[in-house]
PDB file of N, CA and C in Angstrom:
ATOM      1  N   UNK A   1     -18.371  -1.834   1.790  1.00  0.00           N
ATOM      2  CA  UNK A   1     -18.775  -2.791   0.773  1.00  0.00           C
ATOM      3  C   UNK A   1     -19.261  -4.060   1.456  1.00  0.00           C
ATOM      4  N   UNK A   2     -20.034  -4.824   0.735  1.00  0.00           N
ATOM      5  CA  UNK A   2     -20.640  -6.011   1.333  1.00  0.00           C
ATOM      6  C   UNK A   2     -20.333  -7.315   0.616  1.00  0.00           C
ATOM      7  N   UNK A   3     -19.643  -7.247  -0.528  1.00  0.00           N
ATOM      8  CA  UNK A   3     -19.355  -8.497  -1.231  1.00  0.00           C
ATOM      9  C   UNK A   3     -18.098  -8.350  -2.092  1.00  0.00           C
ATOM     10  N   UNK A   4     -17.633  -9.483  -2.602  1.00  0.00           N
ATOM     11  CA  UNK A   4     -16.393  -9.519  -3.381  1.00  0.00           C
ATOM     12  C   UNK A   4     -16.498  -8.699  -4.668  1.00  0.00           C
ATOM     13  N   UNK A   5     -17.660  -8.670  -5.279  1.00  0.00           N
ATOM     14  CA  UNK A   5     -17.832  -7.905  -6.524  1.00  0.00           C
ATOM     15  C   UNK A   5     -17.592  -6.412  -6.290  1.00  0.00           C
ATOM     16  N   UNK A   6     -18.071  -5.894  -5.177  1.00  0.00           N
ATOM     17  CA  UNK A   6     -17.861  -4.483  -4.853  1.00  0.00           C
ATOM     18  C   UNK A   6     -16.376  -4.200  -4.595  1.00  0.00           C
ATOM     19  N   UNK A   7     -15.683  -5.132  -3.947  1.00  0.00           N
ATOM     20  CA  UNK A   7     -14.238  -4.985  -3.724  1.00  0.00           C
ATOM     21  C   UNK A   7     -13.517  -4.945  -5.063  1.00  0.00           C
ATOM     22  N   UNK A   8     -13.889  -5.847  -5.962  1.00  0.00           N
ATOM     23  CA  UNK A   8     -13.257  -5.912  -7.284  1.00  0.00           C
ATOM     24  C   UNK A   8     -13.461  -4.605  -8.049  1.00  0.00           C
ATOM     25  N   UNK A   9     -14.645  -4.017  -7.962  1.00  0.00           N
ATOM     26  CA  UNK A   9     -14.907  -2.744  -8.641  1.00  0.00           C
ATOM     27  C   UNK A   9     -14.023  -1.626  -8.083  1.00  0.00           C
ATOM     28  N   UNK A  10     -13.805  -1.629  -6.776  1.00  0.00           N
ATOM     29  CA  UNK A  10     -12.922  -0.620  -6.178  1.00  0.00           C
ATOM     30  C   UNK A  10     -11.479  -0.809  -6.641  1.00  0.00           C
ATOM     31  N   UNK A  11     -11.039  -2.065  -6.734  1.00  0.00           N
ATOM     32  CA  UNK A  11      -9.692  -2.338  -7.245  1.00  0.00           C
ATOM     33  C   UNK A  11      -9.545  -1.837  -8.678  1.00  0.00           C
ATOM     34  N   UNK A  12     -10.554  -2.085  -9.500  1.00  0.00           N
ATOM     35  CA  UNK A  12     -10.521  -1.624 -10.893  1.00  0.00           C
ATOM     36  C   UNK A  12     -10.483  -0.095 -10.965  1.00  0.00           C
ATOM     37  N   UNK A  13     -11.263   0.569 -10.125  1.00  0.00           N
ATOM     38  CA  UNK A  13     -11.270   2.040 -10.114  1.00  0.00           C
ATOM     39  C   UNK A  13      -9.894   2.572  -9.734  1.00  0.00           C
ATOM     40  N   UNK A  14      -9.246   1.932  -8.780  1.00  0.00           N
ATOM     41  CA  UNK A  14      -7.898   2.336  -8.393  1.00  0.00           C
ATOM     42  C   UNK A  14      -6.900   2.123  -9.506  1.00  0.00           C
ATOM     43  N   UNK A  15      -7.033   1.027 -10.218  1.00  0.00           N
ATOM     44  CA  UNK A  15      -6.114   0.713 -11.320  1.00  0.00           C
ATOM     45  C   UNK A  15      -6.201   1.765 -12.422  1.00  0.00           C
ATOM     46  N   UNK A  16      -7.389   2.295 -12.662  1.00  0.00           N
ATOM     47  CA  UNK A  16      -7.580   3.341 -13.675  1.00  0.00           C
ATOM     48  C   UNK A  16      -6.786   4.592 -13.307  1.00  0.00           C
ATOM     49  N   UNK A  17      -6.635   4.852 -12.015  1.00  0.00           N
ATOM     50  CA  UNK A  17      -5.935   6.057 -11.554  1.00  0.00           C
ATOM     51  C   UNK A  17      -4.423   5.894 -11.462  1.00  0.00           C
ATOM     52  N   UNK A  18      -3.904   4.706 -11.719  1.00  0.00           N
ATOM     53  CA  UNK A  18      -2.458   4.496 -11.652  1.00  0.00           C
ATOM     54  C   UNK A  18      -1.779   5.163 -12.838  1.00  0.00           C
ATOM     55  N   UNK A  19      -0.507   5.468 -12.655  1.00  0.00           N
ATOM     56  CA  UNK A  19       0.267   6.111 -13.714  1.00  0.00           C
ATOM     57  C   UNK A  19       1.276   5.119 -14.279  1.00  0.00           C
ATOM     58  N   UNK A  20       1.328   5.040 -15.599  1.00  0.00           N
ATOM     59  CA  UNK A  20       2.279   4.184 -16.296  1.00  0.00           C
ATOM     60  C   UNK A  20       3.009   5.016 -17.335  1.00  0.00           C
ATOM     61  N   UNK A  21       4.211   4.604 -17.653  1.00  0.00           N
ATOM     62  CA  UNK A  21       4.976   5.294 -18.674  1.00  0.00           C
ATOM     63  C   UNK A  21       5.945   4.330 -19.326  1.00  0.00           C
ATOM     64  N   UNK A  22       6.397   4.672 -20.499  1.00  0.00           N
ATOM     65  CA  UNK A  22       7.318   3.812 -21.238  1.00  0.00           C
ATOM     66  C   UNK A  22       8.758   4.241 -20.981  1.00  0.00           C
ATOM     67  N   UNK A  23       9.612   3.250 -20.711  1.00  0.00           N
ATOM     68  CA  UNK A  23      11.051   3.487 -20.584  1.00  0.00           C
ATOM     69  C   UNK A  23      11.765   2.457 -21.451  1.00  0.00           C
ATOM     70  N   UNK A  24      13.083   2.589 -21.586  1.00  0.00           N
ATOM     71  CA  UNK A  24      13.849   1.597 -22.348  1.00  0.00           C
ATOM     72  C   UNK A  24      13.815   0.223 -21.683  1.00  0.00           C
ATOM     73  N   UNK A  25      13.548   0.189 -20.384  1.00  0.00           N
ATOM     74  CA  UNK A  25      13.542  -1.063 -19.637  1.00  0.00           C
ATOM     75  C   UNK A  25      12.180  -1.750 -19.650  1.00  0.00           C
ATOM     76  N   UNK A  26      11.104  -0.978 -19.839  1.00  0.00           N
ATOM     77  CA  UNK A  26       9.771  -1.532 -19.671  1.00  0.00           C
ATOM     78  C   UNK A  26       8.769  -0.700 -20.470  1.00  0.00           C
ATOM     79  N   UNK A  27       8.001  -1.359 -21.328  1.00  0.00           N
ATOM     80  CA  UNK A  27       7.021  -0.654 -22.156  1.00  0.00           C
ATOM     81  C   UNK A  27       5.901  -0.064 -21.297  1.00  0.00           C
ATOM     82  N   UNK A  28       5.499  -0.793 -20.263  1.00  0.00           N
ATOM     83  CA  UNK A  28       4.420  -0.320 -19.378  1.00  0.00           C
ATOM     84  C   UNK A  28       4.956  -0.278 -17.951  1.00  0.00           C
ATOM     85  N   UNK A  29       5.759   0.718 -17.672  1.00  0.00           N
ATOM     86  CA  UNK A  29       6.419   0.859 -16.382  1.00  0.00           C
ATOM     87  C   UNK A  29       5.506   1.580 -15.395  1.00  0.00           C
ATOM     88  N   UNK A  30       5.272   0.949 -14.249  1.00  0.00           N
ATOM     89  CA  UNK A  30       4.463   1.580 -13.213  1.00  0.00           C
ATOM     90  C   UNK A  30       5.212   2.786 -12.674  1.00  0.00           C
ATOM     91  N   UNK A  31       4.555   3.930 -12.663  1.00  0.00           N
ATOM     92  CA  UNK A  31       5.171   5.170 -12.193  1.00  0.00           C
ATOM     93  C   UNK A  31       4.539   5.631 -10.885  1.00  0.00           C
ATOM     94  N   UNK A  32       3.802   4.750 -10.234  1.00  0.00           N
ATOM     95  CA  UNK A  32       3.155   5.121  -8.975  1.00  0.00           C
ATOM     96  C   UNK A  32       3.105   3.923  -8.035  1.00  0.00           C
ATOM     97  N   UNK A  33       3.013   4.225  -6.751  1.00  0.00           N
ATOM     98  CA  UNK A  33       2.821   3.194  -5.742  1.00  0.00           C
ATOM     99  C   UNK A  33       1.315   3.063  -5.509  1.00  0.00           C
ATOM    100  N   UNK A  34       0.874   1.867  -5.143  1.00  0.00           N
ATOM    101  CA  UNK A  34      -0.537   1.653  -4.851  1.00  0.00           C
ATOM    102  C   UNK A  34      -0.667   0.906  -3.536  1.00  0.00           C
ATOM    103  N   UNK A  35      -1.532   1.399  -2.677  1.00  0.00           N
ATOM    104  CA  UNK A  35      -1.840   0.708  -1.427  1.00  0.00           C
ATOM    105  C   UNK A  35      -3.354   0.553  -1.362  1.00  0.00           C
ATOM    106  N   UNK A  36      -3.800  -0.688  -1.259  1.00  0.00           N
ATOM    107  CA  UNK A  36      -5.225  -0.990  -1.140  1.00  0.00           C
ATOM    108  C   UNK A  36      -5.421  -1.608   0.234  1.00  0.00           C
ATOM    109  N   UNK A  37      -6.163  -0.933   1.072  1.00  0.00           N
ATOM    110  CA  UNK A  37      -6.334  -1.378   2.458  1.00  0.00           C
ATOM    111  C   UNK A  37      -7.781  -1.774   2.697  1.00  0.00           C
ATOM    112  N   UNK A  38      -7.962  -2.974   3.202  1.00  0.00           N
ATOM    113  CA  UNK A  38      -9.297  -3.445   3.546  1.00  0.00           C
ATOM    114  C   UNK A  38      -9.375  -3.663   5.055  1.00  0.00           C
ATOM    115  N   UNK A  39     -10.387  -3.101   5.659  1.00  0.00           N
ATOM    116  CA  UNK A  39     -10.690  -3.366   7.061  1.00  0.00           C
ATOM    117  C   UNK A  39     -11.930  -4.251   7.043  1.00  0.00           C
ATOM    118  N   UNK A  40     -11.759  -5.465   7.514  1.00  0.00           N
ATOM    119  CA  UNK A  40     -12.825  -6.461   7.439  1.00  0.00           C
ATOM    120  C   UNK A  40     -13.393  -6.667   8.836  1.00  0.00           C
ATOM    121  N   UNK A  41     -14.682  -6.453   8.958  1.00  0.00           N
ATOM    122  CA  UNK A  41     -15.363  -6.659  10.232  1.00  0.00           C
ATOM    123  C   UNK A  41     -16.328  -7.822  10.088  1.00  0.00           C
ATOM    124  N   UNK A  42     -16.249  -8.748  11.017  1.00  0.00           N
ATOM    125  CA  UNK A  42     -17.192  -9.865  11.003  1.00  0.00           C
ATOM    126  C   UNK A  42     -17.826  -9.989  12.381  1.00  0.00           C
ATOM    127  N   UNK A  43     -19.113 -10.163  12.369  1.00  0.00           N
ATOM    128  CA  UNK A  43     -19.867 -10.284  13.613  1.00  0.00           C
ATOM    129  C   UNK A  43     -20.217 -11.753  13.818  1.00  0.00           C
ATOM    130  N   UNK A  44     -19.945 -12.242  15.010  1.00  0.00           N
ATOM    131  CA  UNK A  44     -20.305 -13.631  15.287  1.00  0.00           C
ATOM    132  C   UNK A  44     -21.726 -13.664  15.826  1.00  0.00           C
ATOM    133  N   UNK A  45     -22.458 -14.636  15.376  1.00  0.00           N
ATOM    134  CA  UNK A  45     -23.838 -14.783  15.837  1.00  0.00           C
ATOM    135  C   UNK A  45     -23.873 -15.907  16.859  1.00  0.00           C
ATOM    136  N   UNK A  46     -24.103 -15.515  18.078  1.00  0.00           N
ATOM    137  CA  UNK A  46     -24.186 -16.485  19.159  1.00  0.00           C
ATOM    138  C   UNK A  46     -25.645 -16.594  19.585  1.00  0.00           C
ATOM    139  N   UNK A  47     -26.092 -17.803  19.732  1.00  0.00           N
ATOM    140  CA  UNK A  47     -27.482 -18.023  20.123  1.00  0.00           C
ATOM    141  C   UNK A  47     -27.553 -18.152  21.640  1.00  0.00           C
ATOM    142  N   UNK A  48     -28.369 -17.318  22.225  1.00  0.00           N
ATOM    143  CA  UNK A  48     -28.595 -17.357  23.666  1.00  0.00           C
ATOM    144  C   UNK A  48     -29.906 -18.111  23.885  1.00  0.00           C
ATOM    145  N   UNK A  49     -29.783 -19.392  24.217  1.00  0.00           N
ATOM    146  CA  UNK A  49     -30.972 -20.240  24.325  1.00  0.00           C
ATOM    147  C   UNK A  49     -31.893 -19.812  25.463  1.00  0.00           C
ATOM    148  N   UNK A  50     -31.347 -19.196  26.497  1.00  0.00           N
ATOM    149  CA  UNK A  50     -32.201 -18.781  27.615  1.00  0.00           C
ATOM    150  C   UNK A  50     -33.114 -17.618  27.219  1.00  0.00           C
ATOM    151  N   UNK A  51     -32.667 -16.809  26.251  1.00  0.00           N
ATOM    152  CA  UNK A  51     -33.474 -15.663  25.823  1.00  0.00           C
ATOM    153  C   UNK A  51     -34.219 -15.945  24.523  1.00  0.00           C
ATOM    154  N   UNK A  52     -33.822 -16.991  23.826  1.00  0.00           N
ATOM    155  CA  UNK A  52     -34.521 -17.375  22.609  1.00  0.00           C
ATOM    156  C   UNK A  52     -34.198 -16.531  21.389  1.00  0.00           C
ATOM    157  N   UNK A  53     -33.084 -15.807  21.383  1.00  0.00           N
ATOM    158  CA  UNK A  53     -32.693 -15.024  20.209  1.00  0.00           C
ATOM    159  C   UNK A  53     -31.178 -15.022  20.076  1.00  0.00           C
ATOM    160  N   UNK A  54     -30.726 -14.572  18.932  1.00  0.00           N
ATOM    161  CA  UNK A  54     -29.278 -14.526  18.709  1.00  0.00           C
ATOM    162  C   UNK A  54     -28.762 -13.124  18.998  1.00  0.00           C
ATOM    163  N   UNK A  55     -27.559 -13.071  19.472  1.00  0.00           N
ATOM    164  CA  UNK A  55     -26.932 -11.771  19.706  1.00  0.00           C
ATOM    165  C   UNK A  55     -25.664 -11.694  18.880  1.00  0.00           C
ATOM    166  N   UNK A  56     -25.340 -10.522  18.423  1.00  0.00           N
ATOM    167  CA  UNK A  56     -24.130 -10.360  17.614  1.00  0.00           C
ATOM    168  C   UNK A  56     -23.285  -9.225  18.180  1.00  0.00           C
ATOM    169  N   UNK A  57     -22.928  -9.352  19.441  1.00  0.00           N
ATOM    170  CA  UNK A  57     -22.130  -8.324  20.094  1.00  0.00           C
ATOM    171  C   UNK A  57     -20.651  -8.429  19.757  1.00  0.00           C
ATOM    172  N   UNK A  58     -20.161  -9.633  19.532  1.00  0.00           N
ATOM    173  CA  UNK A  58     -18.730  -9.829  19.285  1.00  0.00           C
ATOM    174  C   UNK A  58     -18.396  -9.469  17.838  1.00  0.00           C
ATOM    175  N   UNK A  59     -17.435  -8.576  17.676  1.00  0.00           N
ATOM    176  CA  UNK A  59     -16.997  -8.176  16.334  1.00  0.00           C
ATOM    177  C   UNK A  59     -15.507  -8.455  16.214  1.00  0.00           C
ATOM    178  N   UNK A  60     -15.135  -9.166  15.168  1.00  0.00           N
ATOM    179  CA  UNK A  60     -13.725  -9.431  14.881  1.00  0.00           C
ATOM    180  C   UNK A  60     -13.312  -8.501  13.743  1.00  0.00           C
ATOM    181  N   UNK A  61     -12.197  -7.804  13.945  1.00  0.00           N
ATOM    182  CA  UNK A  61     -11.707  -6.860  12.939  1.00  0.00           C
ATOM    183  C   UNK A  61     -10.350  -7.330  12.433  1.00  0.00           C
ATOM    184  N   UNK A  62     -10.217  -7.400  11.122  1.00  0.00           N
ATOM    185  CA  UNK A  62      -8.947  -7.755  10.483  1.00  0.00           C
ATOM    186  C   UNK A  62      -8.601  -6.671   9.470  1.00  0.00           C
ATOM    187  N   UNK A  63      -7.314  -6.482   9.248  1.00  0.00           N
ATOM    188  CA  UNK A  63      -6.859  -5.496   8.269  1.00  0.00           C
ATOM    189  C   UNK A  63      -5.959  -6.204   7.268  1.00  0.00           C
ATOM    190  N   UNK A  64      -6.246  -5.996   5.990  1.00  0.00           N
ATOM    191  CA  UNK A  64      -5.444  -6.570   4.914  1.00  0.00           C
ATOM    192  C   UNK A  64      -4.928  -5.427   4.057  1.00  0.00           C
ATOM    193  N   UNK A  65      -3.607  -5.338   3.921  1.00  0.00           N
ATOM    194  CA  UNK A  65      -2.988  -4.317   3.078  1.00  0.00           C
ATOM    195  C   UNK A  65      -2.379  -4.987   1.856  1.00  0.00           C
ATOM    196  N   UNK A  66      -2.785  -4.561   0.680  1.00  0.00           N
ATOM    197  CA  UNK A  66      -2.191  -5.023  -0.569  1.00  0.00           C
ATOM    198  C   UNK A  66      -1.356  -3.862  -1.103  1.00  0.00           C
ATOM    199  N   UNK A  67      -0.065  -4.089  -1.273  1.00  0.00           N
ATOM    200  CA  UNK A  67       0.851  -3.012  -1.652  1.00  0.00           C
ATOM    201  C   UNK A  67       1.567  -3.375  -2.947  1.00  0.00           C
ATOM    202  N   UNK A  68       1.531  -2.468  -3.913  1.00  0.00           N
ATOM    203  CA  UNK A  68       2.263  -2.630  -5.168  1.00  0.00           C
ATOM    204  C   UNK A  68       3.142  -1.393  -5.327  1.00  0.00           C
ATOM    205  N   UNK A  69       4.442  -1.583  -5.127  1.00  0.00           N
ATOM    206  CA  UNK A  69       5.372  -0.460  -5.219  1.00  0.00           C
ATOM    207  C   UNK A  69       5.911  -0.335  -6.637  1.00  0.00           C
ATOM    208  N   UNK A  70       6.024   0.892  -7.108  1.00  0.00           N
ATOM    209  CA  UNK A  70       6.648   1.131  -8.411  1.00  0.00           C
ATOM    210  C   UNK A  70       8.084   0.632  -8.343  1.00  0.00           C
ATOM    211  N   UNK A  71       8.574   0.106  -9.435  1.00  0.00           N
ATOM    212  CA  UNK A  71       9.911  -0.472  -9.443  1.00  0.00           C
ATOM    213  C   UNK A  71      11.017   0.561  -9.464  1.00  0.00           C
ATOM    214  N   UNK A  72      12.091   0.211  -8.800  1.00  0.00           N
ATOM    215  CA  UNK A  72      13.289   1.048  -8.819  1.00  0.00           C
ATOM    216  C   UNK A  72      14.054   0.745 -10.100  1.00  0.00           C
ATOM    217  N   UNK A  73      14.401   1.773 -10.836  1.00  0.00           N
ATOM    218  CA  UNK A  73      15.118   1.567 -12.095  1.00  0.00           C
ATOM    219  C   UNK A  73      16.388   2.400 -12.112  1.00  0.00           C
ATOM    220  N   UNK A  74      17.416   1.870 -12.709  1.00  0.00           N
ATOM    221  CA  UNK A  74      18.657   2.627 -12.867  1.00  0.00           C
ATOM    222  C   UNK A  74      18.440   3.655 -13.979  1.00  0.00           C
ATOM    223  N   UNK A  75      18.625   4.902 -13.617  1.00  0.00           N
ATOM    224  CA  UNK A  75      18.354   6.010 -14.538  1.00  0.00           C
ATOM    225  C   UNK A  75      19.118   5.850 -15.854  1.00  0.00           C
ATOM    226  N   UNK A  76      20.385   5.461 -15.790  1.00  0.00           N
ATOM    227  CA  UNK A  76      21.203   5.345 -17.002  1.00  0.00           C
ATOM    228  C   UNK A  76      20.645   4.295 -17.960  1.00  0.00           C
ATOM    229  N   UNK A  77      20.088   3.203 -17.417  1.00  0.00           N
ATOM    230  CA  UNK A  77      19.583   2.128 -18.274  1.00  0.00           C
ATOM    231  C   UNK A  77      18.212   2.426 -18.864  1.00  0.00           C
ATOM    232  N   UNK A  78      17.437   3.279 -18.204  1.00  0.00           N
ATOM    233  CA  UNK A  78      16.081   3.544 -18.686  1.00  0.00           C
ATOM    234  C   UNK A  78      16.059   4.495 -19.870  1.00  0.00           C
ATOM    235  N   UNK A  79      17.093   5.304 -20.010  1.00  0.00           N
ATOM    236  CA  UNK A  79      17.095   6.309 -21.067  1.00  0.00           C
ATOM    237  C   UNK A  79      16.088   7.413 -20.794  1.00  0.00           C
ATOM    238  N   UNK A  80      15.682   7.544 -19.540  1.00  0.00           N
ATOM    239  CA  UNK A  80      14.650   8.517 -19.176  1.00  0.00           C
ATOM    240  C   UNK A  80      15.193   9.938 -19.215  1.00  0.00           C
ATOM    241  N   UNK A  81      14.319  10.846 -19.627  1.00  0.00           N
ATOM    242  CA  UNK A  81      14.627  12.266 -19.545  1.00  0.00           C
ATOM    243  C   UNK A  81      13.327  13.012 -19.286  1.00  0.00           C
ATOM    244  N   UNK A  82      13.428  14.275 -18.973  1.00  0.00           N
ATOM    245  CA  UNK A  82      12.230  15.085 -18.739  1.00  0.00           C
ATOM    246  C   UNK A  82      11.363  14.546 -17.612  1.00  0.00           C
ATOM    247  N   UNK A  83      10.084  14.366 -17.911  1.00  0.00           N
ATOM    248  CA  UNK A  83       9.106  13.922 -16.917  1.00  0.00           C
ATOM    249  C   UNK A  83       9.446  12.533 -16.390  1.00  0.00           C
ATOM    250  N   UNK A  84       9.838  11.614 -17.271  1.00  0.00           N
ATOM    251  CA  UNK A  84      10.168  10.241 -16.851  1.00  0.00           C
ATOM    252  C   UNK A  84      11.369  10.230 -15.907  1.00  0.00           C
ATOM    253  N   UNK A  85      12.342  11.084 -16.163  1.00  0.00           N
ATOM    254  CA  UNK A  85      13.515  11.177 -15.288  1.00  0.00           C
ATOM    255  C   UNK A  85      13.101  11.673 -13.904  1.00  0.00           C
ATOM    256  N   UNK A  86      12.254  12.695 -13.874  1.00  0.00           N
ATOM    257  CA  UNK A  86      11.780  13.240 -12.598  1.00  0.00           C
ATOM    258  C   UNK A  86      10.976  12.186 -11.834  1.00  0.00           C
ATOM    259  N   UNK A  87      10.090  11.468 -12.534  1.00  0.00           N
ATOM    260  CA  UNK A  87       9.316  10.405 -11.893  1.00  0.00           C
ATOM    261  C   UNK A  87      10.232   9.339 -11.309  1.00  0.00           C
ATOM    262  N   UNK A  88      11.219   8.931 -12.093  1.00  0.00           N
ATOM    263  CA  UNK A  88      12.160   7.908 -11.638  1.00  0.00           C
ATOM    264  C   UNK A  88      12.898   8.321 -10.382  1.00  0.00           C
ATOM    265  N   UNK A  89      13.302   9.582 -10.329  1.00  0.00           N
ATOM    266  CA  UNK A  89      13.995  10.085  -9.133  1.00  0.00           C
ATOM    267  C   UNK A  89      13.080  10.044  -7.912  1.00  0.00           C
ATOM    268  N   UNK A  90      11.817  10.439  -8.086  1.00  0.00           N
ATOM    269  CA  UNK A  90      10.865  10.414  -6.970  1.00  0.00           C
ATOM    270  C   UNK A  90      10.591   8.981  -6.512  1.00  0.00           C
ATOM    271  N   UNK A  91      10.448   8.069  -7.462  1.00  0.00           N
ATOM    272  CA  UNK A  91      10.219   6.661  -7.124  1.00  0.00           C
ATOM    273  C   UNK A  91      11.400   6.120  -6.330  1.00  0.00           C
ATOM    274  N   UNK A  92      12.606   6.340  -6.837  1.00  0.00           N
ATOM    275  CA  UNK A  92      13.801   5.835  -6.156  1.00  0.00           C
ATOM    276  C   UNK A  92      13.946   6.434  -4.758  1.00  0.00           C
ATOM    277  N   UNK A  93      13.653   7.729  -4.619  1.00  0.00           N
ATOM    278  CA  UNK A  93      13.759   8.368  -3.301  1.00  0.00           C
ATOM    279  C   UNK A  93      12.744   7.772  -2.335  1.00  0.00           C
ATOM    280  N   UNK A  94      11.499   7.605  -2.778  1.00  0.00           N
ATOM    281  CA  UNK A  94      10.473   7.091  -1.871  1.00  0.00           C
ATOM    282  C   UNK A  94      10.777   5.660  -1.445  1.00  0.00           C
ATOM    283  N   UNK A  95      11.337   4.850  -2.347  1.00  0.00           N
ATOM    284  CA  UNK A  95      11.715   3.479  -1.981  1.00  0.00           C
ATOM    285  C   UNK A  95      12.879   3.481  -0.993  1.00  0.00           C
ATOM    286  N   UNK A  96      13.826   4.404  -1.169  1.00  0.00           N
ATOM    287  CA  UNK A  96      14.946   4.509  -0.239  1.00  0.00           C
ATOM    288  C   UNK A  96      14.444   4.914   1.154  1.00  0.00           C
ATOM    289  N   UNK A  97      13.532   5.888   1.205  1.00  0.00           N
ATOM    290  CA  UNK A  97      12.984   6.332   2.490  1.00  0.00           C
ATOM    291  C   UNK A  97      12.207   5.197   3.154  1.00  0.00           C
ATOM    292  N   UNK A  98      11.429   4.446   2.382  1.00  0.00           N
ATOM    293  CA  UNK A  98      10.708   3.299   2.940  1.00  0.00           C
ATOM    294  C   UNK A  98      11.689   2.319   3.570  1.00  0.00           C
ATOM    295  N   UNK A  99      12.786   2.048   2.882  1.00  0.00           N
ATOM    296  CA  UNK A  99      13.821   1.171   3.434  1.00  0.00           C
ATOM    297  C   UNK A  99      14.400   1.720   4.725  1.00  0.00           C
ATOM    298  N   UNK A 100      14.642   3.029   4.774  1.00  0.00           N
ATOM    299  CA  UNK A 100      15.163   3.663   5.991  1.00  0.00           C
ATOM    300  C   UNK A 100      14.177   3.535   7.155  1.00  0.00           C
ATOM    301  N   UNK A 101      12.893   3.744   6.873  1.00  0.00           N
ATOM    302  CA  UNK A 101      11.868   3.625   7.916  1.00  0.00           C
ATOM    303  C   UNK A 101      11.816   2.192   8.438  1.00  0.00           C
ATOM    304  N   UNK A 102      11.827   1.222   7.533  1.00  0.00           N
ATOM    305  CA  UNK A 102      11.788  -0.185   7.946  1.00  0.00           C
ATOM    306  C   UNK A 102      13.016  -0.527   8.776  1.00  0.00           C
ATOM    307  N   UNK A 103      14.190  -0.060   8.359  1.00  0.00           N
ATOM    308  CA  UNK A 103      15.415  -0.312   9.134  1.00  0.00           C
ATOM    309  C   UNK A 103      15.313   0.272  10.535  1.00  0.00           C
ATOM    310  N   UNK A 104      14.834   1.508  10.640  1.00  0.00           N
ATOM    311  CA  UNK A 104      14.704   2.143  11.955  1.00  0.00           C
ATOM    312  C   UNK A 104      13.706   1.393  12.833  1.00  0.00           C
ATOM    313  N   UNK A 105      12.590   0.965  12.241  1.00  0.00           N
ATOM    314  CA  UNK A 105      11.582   0.243  13.013  1.00  0.00           C
ATOM    315  C   UNK A 105      12.090  -1.120  13.479  1.00  0.00           C
ATOM    316  N   UNK A 106      13.017  -1.708  12.728  1.00  0.00           N
ATOM    317  CA  UNK A 106      13.533  -3.031  13.099  1.00  0.00           C
ATOM    318  C   UNK A 106      14.607  -2.957  14.181  1.00  0.00           C
ATOM    319  N   UNK A 107      15.143  -1.764  14.424  1.00  0.00           N
ATOM    320  CA  UNK A 107      16.138  -1.595  15.482  1.00  0.00           C
ATOM    321  C   UNK A 107      15.452  -1.658  16.841  1.00  0.00           C
ATOM    322  N   UNK A 108      16.211  -1.974  17.861  1.00  0.00           N
ATOM    323  CA  UNK A 108      15.669  -1.981  19.215  1.00  0.00           C
ATOM    324  C   UNK A 108      15.180  -0.606  19.609  1.00  0.00           C
ATOM    325  N   UNK A 109      14.233  -0.538  20.522  1.00  0.00           N
ATOM    326  CA  UNK A 109      13.621   0.733  20.933  1.00  0.00           C
ATOM    327  C   UNK A 109      14.656   1.735  21.432  1.00  0.00           C
ATOM    328  N   UNK A 110      15.701   1.272  22.097  1.00  0.00           N
ATOM    329  CA  UNK A 110      16.718   2.195  22.630  1.00  0.00           C
ATOM    330  C   UNK A 110      17.602   2.773  21.533  1.00  0.00           C
ATOM    331  N   UNK A 111      17.832   2.011  20.484  1.00  0.00           N
ATOM    332  CA  UNK A 111      18.717   2.455  19.398  1.00  0.00           C
ATOM    333  C   UNK A 111      17.962   3.213  18.314  1.00  0.00           C
ATOM    334  N   UNK A 112      16.670   3.109  18.312  1.00  0.00           N
ATOM    335  CA  UNK A 112      15.854   3.557  17.189  1.00  0.00           C
ATOM    336  C   UNK A 112      16.052   5.027  16.840  1.00  0.00           C
ATOM    337  N   UNK A 113      15.912   5.936  17.769  1.00  0.00           N
ATOM    338  CA  UNK A 113      16.041   7.354  17.455  1.00  0.00           C
ATOM    339  C   UNK A 113      14.905   7.843  16.569  1.00  0.00           C
ATOM    340  N   UNK A 114      15.204   8.821  15.732  1.00  0.00           N
ATOM    341  CA  UNK A 114      14.210   9.436  14.845  1.00  0.00           C
ATOM    342  C   UNK A 114      13.841   8.492  13.703  1.00  0.00           C
ATOM    343  N   UNK A 115      12.551   8.322  13.454  1.00  0.00           N
ATOM    344  CA  UNK A 115      12.073   7.525  12.317  1.00  0.00           C
ATOM    345  C   UNK A 115      11.612   8.513  11.248  1.00  0.00           C
ATOM    346  N   UNK A 116      12.218   8.472  10.044  1.00  0.00           N
ATOM    347  CA  UNK A 116      11.984   9.509   9.026  1.00  0.00           C
ATOM    348  C   UNK A 116      10.698   9.331   8.205  1.00  0.00           C
ATOM    349  N   UNK A 117       9.561   9.198   8.883  1.00  0.00           N
ATOM    350  CA  UNK A 117       8.287   9.031   8.178  1.00  0.00           C
ATOM    351  C   UNK A 117       8.002  10.171   7.204  1.00  0.00           C
ATOM    352  N   UNK A 118       8.303  11.389   7.573  1.00  0.00           N
ATOM    353  CA  UNK A 118       7.913  12.566   6.787  1.00  0.00           C
ATOM    354  C   UNK A 118       8.804  12.832   5.577  1.00  0.00           C
ATOM    355  N   UNK A 119       9.807  12.005   5.366  1.00  0.00           N
ATOM    356  CA  UNK A 119      10.736  12.242   4.258  1.00  0.00           C
ATOM    357  C   UNK A 119      10.164  11.851   2.894  1.00  0.00           C
ATOM    358  N   UNK A 120       9.003  11.197   2.874  1.00  0.00           N
ATOM    359  CA  UNK A 120       8.396  10.786   1.611  1.00  0.00           C
ATOM    360  C   UNK A 120       6.883  10.688   1.784  1.00  0.00           C
ATOM    361  N   UNK A 121       6.139  10.953   0.720  1.00  0.00           N
ATOM    362  CA  UNK A 121       4.682  10.797   0.769  1.00  0.00           C
ATOM    363  C   UNK A 121       4.301   9.350   1.038  1.00  0.00           C
ATOM    364  N   UNK A 122       5.119   8.419   0.583  1.00  0.00           N
ATOM    365  CA  UNK A 122       4.839   6.997   0.767  1.00  0.00           C
ATOM    366  C   UNK A 122       4.805   6.605   2.232  1.00  0.00           C
ATOM    367  N   UNK A 123       5.615   7.236   3.068  1.00  0.00           N
ATOM    368  CA  UNK A 123       5.729   6.837   4.471  1.00  0.00           C
ATOM    369  C   UNK A 123       5.013   7.774   5.441  1.00  0.00           C
ATOM    370  N   UNK A 124       4.393   8.813   4.947  1.00  0.00           N
ATOM    371  CA  UNK A 124       3.696   9.758   5.846  1.00  0.00           C
ATOM    372  C   UNK A 124       2.469   9.136   6.449  1.00  0.00           C
TER     373      UNK A 124
END
């Protein structure tokens, strides 16, 4: 993409694909996690006066991750059953695994051991 309007359109397209459901706790409860990742490349234009033209060899790359995690809800309070109950269990499990991965990554390299990335789609 080349401008903010194109980025906004991609965000809107992603929002259309999100899943929401009603629970006793929330009328419009997010039932999915969303990760929007932007890799931004900018080229610097340096003028080489001896050659009389500009060169743009230097490229700066930045990465911006926008993350919206579905909320963890207590099953008993939501009144969820059927599909909503199953979704809630998956959401809670993926958030727990994310916490486990973060904890393992924060430990020193010698203590770290196995990092459970594969235990959830969120952390794969």
